[in-house]
Amino acid sequence: MAFADPQTVTIATVANSLPRTGQGVSSGTFTKDDQTVQLLVSHAVNKRARRTVRLNHSKIAPDPLISAQNIRYSMSAYLVVDVPPTGYSVAEQKQIVDALVAYLTASSGSATTKLLGGES
């Protein structure tokens, strides 16, 4: 079963509609019409299953060295779930992912802020 088309990703209270722009046997790509936001979903199954969801973002902003010139900046954030072929049900896997996401978003995202600030 595939992800619905389109997907919506909200960044800083702005909902971005991402229609499907690619599909493979074990992957799907969703891209905003201006190409600034892209969501990729993929699965690689060998000795373990690696499930990945990745959000790519790009923007145009002033060059810090030449203020009159704009350049493209980009970043990515992704979550990889790595599981053995047996031993964890989908429900148990979801509980672990939910715990990580809750940890990162608790207290107004303080753990995420610390991570992005380089703390360990």
Protein backbone atom coordinates (compact mmCIF):
# COMPACT_ATOMS: atom_id res chain seq x y z
CA MET A 1 0.00 0.00 0.00
CA ALA A 2 1.36 3.41 -0.98
CA PHE A 3 1.25 6.75 0.81
CA ALA A 4 -1.67 8.92 -0.29
CA ASP A 5 -1.15 11.49 -3.02
CA PRO A 6 -0.60 14.31 -2.18
CA GLN A 7 1.17 14.41 1.19
CA THR A 8 1.10 17.56 3.34
CA VAL A 9 4.04 18.76 5.43
CA THR A 10 3.62 21.78 7.69
CA ILE A 11 6.72 23.94 8.22
CA ALA A 12 6.42 26.92 10.60
CA THR A 13 2.59 26.81 10.40
CA VAL A 14 2.63 26.76 6.56
CA ALA A 15 1.07 23.66 5.03
CA ASN A 16 2.96 22.46 1.95
CA SER A 17 1.09 20.22 -0.47
CA LEU A 18 3.45 17.65 -1.97
CA PRO A 19 2.09 15.70 -4.94
CA ARG A 20 3.72 12.40 -5.83
CA THR A 21 6.58 12.98 -8.27
CA GLY A 22 8.21 9.56 -8.21
CA GLN A 23 7.56 5.97 -7.29
CA GLY A 24 9.70 2.86 -7.22
CA VAL A 25 9.19 -0.68 -6.00
CA SER A 26 10.16 0.35 -2.45
CA SER A 27 10.10 4.14 -2.57
CA GLY A 28 7.99 7.21 -3.12
CA THR A 29 8.85 10.86 -3.70
CA PHE A 30 6.60 13.86 -3.08
CA THR A 31 7.69 17.34 -4.20
CA LYS A 32 6.27 20.84 -3.83
CA ASP A 33 5.60 22.62 -7.12
CA ASP A 34 8.47 25.10 -6.56
CA GLN A 35 10.85 22.24 -5.60
CA THR A 36 11.67 23.79 -2.18
CA VAL A 37 10.18 20.92 -0.16
CA GLN A 38 10.55 17.21 -0.91
CA LEU A 39 9.48 14.17 1.07
CA LEU A 40 11.09 10.81 0.32
CA VAL A 41 9.93 7.48 1.72
CA SER A 42 12.01 4.35 1.12
CA HIS A 43 12.50 0.80 2.32
CA ALA A 44 15.60 -1.38 2.04
CA VAL A 45 15.25 -4.98 3.17
CA ASN A 46 18.30 -7.22 3.48
CA LYS A 47 19.31 -8.88 6.75
CA ARG A 48 17.45 -6.03 8.46
CA ALA A 49 14.70 -3.71 7.27
CA ARG A 50 15.61 -0.03 7.01
CA ARG A 51 12.59 2.24 6.73
CA THR A 52 13.46 5.86 5.93
CA VAL A 53 11.44 9.05 5.72
CA ARG A 54 13.40 12.13 4.67
CA LEU A 55 12.41 15.78 4.34
CA ASN A 56 14.54 17.97 2.07
CA HIS A 57 14.17 21.75 2.20
CA SER A 58 15.80 24.52 0.20
CA LYS A 59 15.55 28.30 0.15
CA ILE A 60 17.08 31.36 -1.48
CA ALA A 61 18.76 33.77 0.94
CA PRO A 62 21.48 36.43 0.88
CA ASP A 63 25.09 35.30 0.52
CA PRO A 64 26.84 36.25 3.79
CA LEU A 65 29.95 37.30 1.83
CA ILE A 66 28.21 39.23 -0.95
CA SER A 67 25.03 40.71 0.54
CA ALA A 68 23.69 41.88 -2.82
CA GLN A 69 23.76 38.30 -4.12
CA ASN A 70 21.34 35.50 -3.24
CA ILE A 71 22.25 31.82 -3.17
CA ARG A 72 20.38 28.55 -2.65
CA TYR A 73 20.72 26.84 0.73
CA SER A 74 19.45 23.35 1.49
CA MET A 75 19.08 20.98 4.41
CA SER A 76 17.60 17.55 5.16
CA ALA A 77 16.10 15.86 8.18
CA TYR A 78 15.35 12.18 8.23
CA LEU A 79 14.33 9.31 10.44
CA VAL A 80 15.61 5.79 9.86
CA VAL A 81 13.96 2.84 11.56
CA ASP A 82 16.24 -0.21 11.51
CA VAL A 83 14.60 -3.47 12.56
CA PRO A 84 15.41 -7.18 12.42
CA PRO A 85 13.18 -9.41 10.29
CA THR A 86 11.57 -10.90 13.40
CA GLY A 87 11.20 -9.98 17.04
CA TYR A 88 9.30 -6.67 16.84
CA SER A 89 5.71 -6.30 15.71
CA VAL A 90 4.68 -3.22 13.73
CA ALA A 91 2.86 -2.01 16.86
CA GLU A 92 6.04 -2.34 18.95
CA GLN A 93 8.08 -0.57 16.27
CA LYS A 94 5.55 2.28 16.28
CA GLN A 95 5.81 2.57 20.07
CA ILE A 96 9.60 3.05 19.79
CA VAL A 97 9.26 5.63 17.00
CA ASP A 98 6.50 7.44 18.93
CA ALA A 99 8.77 7.54 22.01
CA LEU A 100 11.62 9.12 20.03
CA VAL A 101 9.37 11.70 18.39
CA ALA A 102 7.77 12.55 21.76
CA TYR A 103 11.22 12.93 23.34
CA LEU A 104 12.34 15.31 20.59
CA THR A 105 9.17 17.44 20.77
CA ALA A 106 8.66 17.50 24.57
CA SER A 107 9.14 20.78 26.45
CA SER A 108 8.72 22.85 23.28
CA GLY A 109 11.36 20.80 21.48
CA SER A 110 14.16 21.39 23.97
CA ALA A 111 15.94 18.12 23.07
CA THR A 112 15.77 19.01 19.37
CA THR A 113 17.14 22.49 20.10
CA LYS A 114 20.01 20.97 22.08
CA LEU A 115 20.74 18.48 19.29
CA LEU A 116 20.79 21.21 16.64
CA GLY A 117 22.97 23.34 18.91
CA GLY A 118 25.61 20.59 18.97
CA GLU A 119 25.04 19.36 22.52
CA SER A 120 25.47 15.69 23.35
